[in-house]
Amino acid sequence: MKKDNNEQAVIDEITKSLNSLDAHPVHIPDASWFEAFVEDQQKKLRKTFIRDVCVFLFVALFILSGLLFTLFQMPYLFIVIQIASIIFVALYSFIRYRKQVAPE
């Protein structure tokens, strides 16, 4: 009997709380507001994308021009840079793979 009274009290409290939530008005914005919000976000993303692509192209051109300069002006340095980059990539990949596969 005590359990039933306790359960009923909980149900009454939940119902009272839900009714108080239902008493507050809910404001739903117009569809035009959502469309304007999406359009603004798309413009921001487009600007960010264009900026990122420009930075990427600038850095890529800088690196490629440096490599071409060393290839034609100092071929030995170019070969050393290529060998060093191959060794670095191999070591980095090996260490990364070993961390993923290592038993815990």
N, C-alpha and C. Protein backbone atom coordinates (compact mmCIF):
# COMPACT_ATOMS: atom_id res chain seq x y z
N MET A 1 0.82 -1.19 0.00
CA MET A 1 0.00 0.00 0.00
C MET A 1 0.87 1.26 0.00
N LYS A 2 1.94 1.22 0.82
CA LYS A 2 2.83 2.37 0.91
C LYS A 2 3.54 2.59 -0.43
N LYS A 3 3.86 1.46 -1.10
CA LYS A 3 4.54 1.55 -2.39
C LYS A 3 3.62 2.20 -3.42
N ASP A 4 2.34 1.83 -3.41
CA ASP A 4 1.39 2.41 -4.35
C ASP A 4 1.22 3.91 -4.12
N ASN A 5 1.18 4.32 -2.85
CA ASN A 5 1.06 5.75 -2.53
C ASN A 5 2.30 6.51 -3.00
N ASN A 6 3.47 5.91 -2.81
CA ASN A 6 4.73 6.53 -3.22
C ASN A 6 4.77 6.68 -4.74
N GLU A 7 4.37 5.63 -5.46
CA GLU A 7 4.35 5.68 -6.92
C GLU A 7 3.36 6.73 -7.40
N GLN A 8 2.20 6.78 -6.77
CA GLN A 8 1.19 7.77 -7.15
C GLN A 8 1.69 9.18 -6.90
N ALA A 9 2.43 9.38 -5.81
CA ALA A 9 2.98 10.71 -5.51
C ALA A 9 4.00 11.11 -6.58
N VAL A 10 4.81 10.16 -7.02
CA VAL A 10 5.80 10.44 -8.07
C VAL A 10 5.08 10.78 -9.37
N ILE A 11 4.06 10.01 -9.71
CA ILE A 11 3.31 10.26 -10.94
C ILE A 11 2.64 11.63 -10.88
N ASP A 12 2.07 11.98 -9.74
CA ASP A 12 1.44 13.29 -9.59
C ASP A 12 2.46 14.42 -9.73
N GLU A 13 3.64 14.23 -9.16
CA GLU A 13 4.70 15.25 -9.24
C GLU A 13 5.16 15.42 -10.69
N ILE A 14 5.31 14.31 -11.40
CA ILE A 14 5.73 14.38 -12.81
C ILE A 14 4.65 15.07 -13.63
N THR A 15 3.40 14.72 -13.41
CA THR A 15 2.29 15.34 -14.14
C THR A 15 2.23 16.84 -13.87
N LYS A 16 2.41 17.23 -12.62
CA LYS A 16 2.40 18.64 -12.25
C LYS A 16 3.54 19.39 -12.95
N SER A 17 4.72 18.79 -12.98
CA SER A 17 5.87 19.42 -13.63
C SER A 17 5.65 19.54 -15.13
N LEU A 18 5.11 18.50 -15.75
CA LEU A 18 4.85 18.55 -17.18
C LEU A 18 3.80 19.59 -17.52
N ASN A 19 2.79 19.72 -16.69
CA ASN A 19 1.77 20.75 -16.91
C ASN A 19 2.36 22.15 -16.79
N SER A 20 3.28 22.33 -15.85
CA SER A 20 3.91 23.66 -15.73
C SER A 20 4.78 23.95 -16.95
N LEU A 21 5.39 22.93 -17.54
CA LEU A 21 6.16 23.14 -18.77
C LEU A 21 5.23 23.48 -19.93
N ASP A 22 4.09 22.82 -20.00
CA ASP A 22 3.14 23.08 -21.08
C ASP A 22 2.53 24.47 -20.98
N ALA A 23 2.54 25.07 -19.82
CA ALA A 23 1.96 26.40 -19.63
C ALA A 23 2.78 27.49 -20.30
N HIS A 24 4.08 27.26 -20.52
CA HIS A 24 4.94 28.25 -21.14
C HIS A 24 4.75 28.22 -22.66
N PRO A 25 4.65 29.41 -23.27
CA PRO A 25 4.49 29.44 -24.74
C PRO A 25 5.80 29.07 -25.43
N VAL A 26 5.67 28.40 -26.56
CA VAL A 26 6.84 27.99 -27.34
C VAL A 26 6.91 28.88 -28.57
N HIS A 27 8.07 29.51 -28.76
CA HIS A 27 8.26 30.38 -29.92
C HIS A 27 9.00 29.60 -31.01
N ILE A 28 8.36 29.45 -32.15
CA ILE A 28 8.98 28.78 -33.29
C ILE A 28 9.23 29.84 -34.35
N PRO A 29 10.48 30.04 -34.74
CA PRO A 29 10.79 31.06 -35.76
C PRO A 29 10.17 30.69 -37.12
N ASP A 30 10.03 31.72 -37.94
CA ASP A 30 9.50 31.50 -39.29
C ASP A 30 10.49 30.72 -40.13
N ALA A 31 9.99 30.16 -41.22
CA ALA A 31 10.85 29.42 -42.14
C ALA A 31 11.86 30.36 -42.79
N SER A 32 11.48 31.61 -42.99
CA SER A 32 12.40 32.57 -43.60
C SER A 32 13.62 32.81 -42.72
N TRP A 33 13.43 32.78 -41.40
CA TRP A 33 14.57 32.94 -40.49
C TRP A 33 15.55 31.79 -40.66
N PHE A 34 15.03 30.57 -40.75
CA PHE A 34 15.90 29.41 -40.94
C PHE A 34 16.62 29.49 -42.29
N GLU A 35 15.90 29.90 -43.33
CA GLU A 35 16.53 30.03 -44.65
C GLU A 35 17.64 31.07 -44.62
N ALA A 36 17.40 32.20 -43.96
CA ALA A 36 18.42 33.24 -43.86
C ALA A 36 19.62 32.74 -43.06
N PHE A 37 19.35 32.00 -42.00
CA PHE A 37 20.43 31.45 -41.18
C PHE A 37 21.30 30.48 -41.98
N VAL A 38 20.65 29.61 -42.75
CA VAL A 38 21.40 28.65 -43.57
C VAL A 38 22.20 29.38 -44.64
N GLU A 39 21.61 30.40 -45.24
CA GLU A 39 22.32 31.16 -46.27
C GLU A 39 23.55 31.86 -45.69
N ASP A 40 23.42 32.45 -44.51
CA ASP A 40 24.56 33.09 -43.86
C ASP A 40 25.67 32.09 -43.56
N GLN A 41 25.29 30.93 -43.06
CA GLN A 41 26.28 29.90 -42.74
C GLN A 41 26.99 29.42 -44.01
N GLN A 42 26.24 29.28 -45.10
CA GLN A 42 26.85 28.85 -46.35
C GLN A 42 27.82 29.90 -46.87
N LYS A 43 27.49 31.18 -46.73
CA LYS A 43 28.40 32.24 -47.15
C LYS A 43 29.69 32.20 -46.33
N LYS A 44 29.55 32.01 -45.01
CA LYS A 44 30.74 31.92 -44.15
C LYS A 44 31.60 30.73 -44.54
N LEU A 45 30.97 29.59 -44.79
CA LEU A 45 31.73 28.40 -45.18
C LEU A 45 32.43 28.61 -46.52
N ARG A 46 31.75 29.27 -47.46
CA ARG A 46 32.35 29.53 -48.76
C ARG A 46 33.57 30.43 -48.62
N LYS A 47 33.46 31.49 -47.80
CA LYS A 47 34.61 32.38 -47.58
C LYS A 47 35.78 31.63 -46.95
N THR A 48 35.48 30.81 -45.97
CA THR A 48 36.52 30.03 -45.30
C THR A 48 37.17 29.06 -46.28
N PHE A 49 36.36 28.42 -47.11
CA PHE A 49 36.89 27.47 -48.09
C PHE A 49 37.81 28.17 -49.08
N ILE A 50 37.39 29.32 -49.59
CA ILE A 50 38.22 30.05 -50.56
C ILE A 50 39.53 30.48 -49.92
N ARG A 51 39.47 30.96 -48.68
CA ARG A 51 40.70 31.37 -47.98
C ARG A 51 41.63 30.18 -47.79
N ASP A 52 41.08 29.04 -47.37
CA ASP A 52 41.90 27.85 -47.15
C ASP A 52 42.54 27.36 -48.44
N VAL A 53 41.79 27.39 -49.54
CA VAL A 53 42.34 26.96 -50.82
C VAL A 53 43.46 27.90 -51.26
N CYS A 54 43.28 29.20 -51.07
CA CYS A 54 44.33 30.16 -51.44
C CYS A 54 45.60 29.94 -50.62
N VAL A 55 45.45 29.73 -49.33
CA VAL A 55 46.61 29.47 -48.47
C VAL A 55 47.30 28.18 -48.91
N PHE A 56 46.52 27.14 -49.19
CA PHE A 56 47.09 25.87 -49.63
C PHE A 56 47.87 26.05 -50.92
N LEU A 57 47.29 26.75 -51.90
CA LEU A 57 47.99 26.95 -53.17
C LEU A 57 49.27 27.76 -52.99
N PHE A 58 49.24 28.79 -52.16
CA PHE A 58 50.43 29.60 -51.92
C PHE A 58 51.54 28.75 -51.29
N VAL A 59 51.21 27.97 -50.29
CA VAL A 59 52.21 27.13 -49.63
C VAL A 59 52.73 26.06 -50.59
N ALA A 60 51.83 25.46 -51.37
CA ALA A 60 52.25 24.43 -52.33
C ALA A 60 53.18 25.02 -53.39
N LEU A 61 52.85 26.20 -53.90
CA LEU A 61 53.73 26.84 -54.89
C LEU A 61 55.09 27.18 -54.28
N PHE A 62 55.10 27.64 -53.05
CA PHE A 62 56.35 27.97 -52.38
C PHE A 62 57.22 26.72 -52.22
N ILE A 63 56.62 25.62 -51.79
CA ILE A 63 57.38 24.38 -51.60
C ILE A 63 57.88 23.85 -52.94
N LEU A 64 57.00 23.83 -53.94
CA LEU A 64 57.41 23.32 -55.26
C LEU A 64 58.49 24.18 -55.89
N SER A 65 58.38 25.50 -55.76
CA SER A 65 59.43 26.35 -56.33
C SER A 65 60.76 26.12 -55.62
N GLY A 66 60.73 25.92 -54.31
CA GLY A 66 61.96 25.61 -53.58
C GLY A 66 62.57 24.29 -54.03
N LEU A 67 61.72 23.28 -54.22
CA LEU A 67 62.24 21.98 -54.68
C LEU A 67 62.79 22.07 -56.10
N LEU A 68 62.09 22.78 -56.98
CA LEU A 68 62.60 22.93 -58.35
C LEU A 68 63.90 23.72 -58.37
N PHE A 69 64.01 24.73 -57.52
CA PHE A 69 65.25 25.49 -57.44
C PHE A 69 66.40 24.58 -57.01
N THR A 70 66.18 23.77 -55.99
CA THR A 70 67.26 22.88 -55.55
C THR A 70 67.54 21.80 -56.59
N LEU A 71 66.53 21.37 -57.33
CA LEU A 71 66.74 20.35 -58.36
C LEU A 71 67.67 20.87 -59.45
N PHE A 72 67.44 22.10 -59.91
CA PHE A 72 68.23 22.63 -61.01
C PHE A 72 69.53 23.30 -60.57
N GLN A 73 69.56 23.89 -59.39
CA GLN A 73 70.75 24.60 -58.96
C GLN A 73 71.69 23.73 -58.12
N MET A 74 71.13 22.88 -57.27
CA MET A 74 71.94 22.04 -56.39
C MET A 74 71.35 20.62 -56.37
N PRO A 75 71.63 19.83 -57.40
CA PRO A 75 71.01 18.50 -57.48
C PRO A 75 71.38 17.59 -56.30
N TYR A 76 72.58 17.74 -55.76
CA TYR A 76 72.96 16.90 -54.63
C TYR A 76 72.10 17.20 -53.40
N LEU A 77 71.84 18.47 -53.16
CA LEU A 77 70.97 18.85 -52.05
C LEU A 77 69.55 18.32 -52.28
N PHE A 78 69.10 18.35 -53.52
CA PHE A 78 67.77 17.83 -53.84
C PHE A 78 67.69 16.34 -53.51
N ILE A 79 68.72 15.60 -53.87
CA ILE A 79 68.73 14.16 -53.58
C ILE A 79 68.75 13.93 -52.07
N VAL A 80 69.53 14.72 -51.35
CA VAL A 80 69.58 14.58 -49.89
C VAL A 80 68.21 14.88 -49.27
N ILE A 81 67.55 15.92 -49.76
CA ILE A 81 66.22 16.25 -49.25
C ILE A 81 65.24 15.12 -49.53
N GLN A 82 65.29 14.54 -50.72
CA GLN A 82 64.38 13.45 -51.07
C GLN A 82 64.63 12.22 -50.19
N ILE A 83 65.89 11.89 -49.98
CA ILE A 83 66.21 10.73 -49.14
C ILE A 83 65.77 10.98 -47.70
N ALA A 84 66.02 12.19 -47.20
CA ALA A 84 65.61 12.52 -45.83
C ALA A 84 64.10 12.46 -45.68
N SER A 85 63.37 12.93 -46.67
CA SER A 85 61.91 12.89 -46.57
C SER A 85 61.38 11.46 -46.63
N ILE A 86 61.99 10.60 -47.43
CA ILE A 86 61.58 9.19 -47.49
C ILE A 86 61.84 8.51 -46.16
N ILE A 87 63.01 8.77 -45.57
CA ILE A 87 63.33 8.17 -44.27
C ILE A 87 62.37 8.68 -43.19
N PHE A 88 62.08 9.97 -43.20
CA PHE A 88 61.16 10.55 -42.22
C PHE A 88 59.77 9.93 -42.33
N VAL A 89 59.26 9.82 -43.54
CA VAL A 89 57.92 9.25 -43.73
C VAL A 89 57.90 7.79 -43.30
N ALA A 90 58.95 7.04 -43.63
CA ALA A 90 59.00 5.63 -43.24
C ALA A 90 59.04 5.48 -41.72
N LEU A 91 59.89 6.26 -41.05
CA LEU A 91 59.97 6.18 -39.58
C LEU A 91 58.66 6.62 -38.92
N TYR A 92 58.08 7.69 -39.41
CA TYR A 92 56.82 8.17 -38.84
C TYR A 92 55.72 7.13 -39.00
N SER A 93 55.63 6.53 -40.18
CA SER A 93 54.61 5.50 -40.42
C SER A 93 54.85 4.29 -39.53
N PHE A 94 56.10 3.88 -39.37
CA PHE A 94 56.42 2.73 -38.54
C PHE A 94 56.04 2.98 -37.08
N ILE A 95 56.39 4.16 -36.57
CA ILE A 95 56.08 4.49 -35.18
C ILE A 95 54.58 4.58 -34.97
N ARG A 96 53.88 5.19 -35.91
CA ARG A 96 52.42 5.32 -35.80
C ARG A 96 51.75 3.95 -35.84
N TYR A 97 52.22 3.09 -36.74
CA TYR A 97 51.64 1.75 -36.86
C TYR A 97 51.91 0.95 -35.59
N ARG A 98 53.12 1.09 -35.05
CA ARG A 98 53.47 0.34 -33.84
C ARG A 98 52.63 0.78 -32.65
N LYS A 99 52.30 2.07 -32.56
CA LYS A 99 51.45 2.55 -31.47
C LYS A 99 50.03 1.99 -31.59
N GLN A 100 49.54 1.83 -32.81
CA GLN A 100 48.19 1.32 -33.01
C GLN A 100 48.09 -0.16 -32.72
N VAL A 101 49.14 -0.91 -33.04
CA VAL A 101 49.11 -2.36 -32.93
C VAL A 101 49.61 -2.84 -31.58
N ALA A 102 50.30 -2.00 -30.83
CA ALA A 102 50.90 -2.42 -29.57
C ALA A 102 49.84 -2.96 -28.61
N PRO A 103 50.14 -4.13 -28.00
CA PRO A 103 49.18 -4.69 -27.03
C PRO A 103 49.18 -3.86 -25.75
N GLU A 104 48.04 -3.79 -25.13
CA GLU A 104 47.93 -2.98 -23.92
C GLU A 104 48.07 -3.81 -22.68
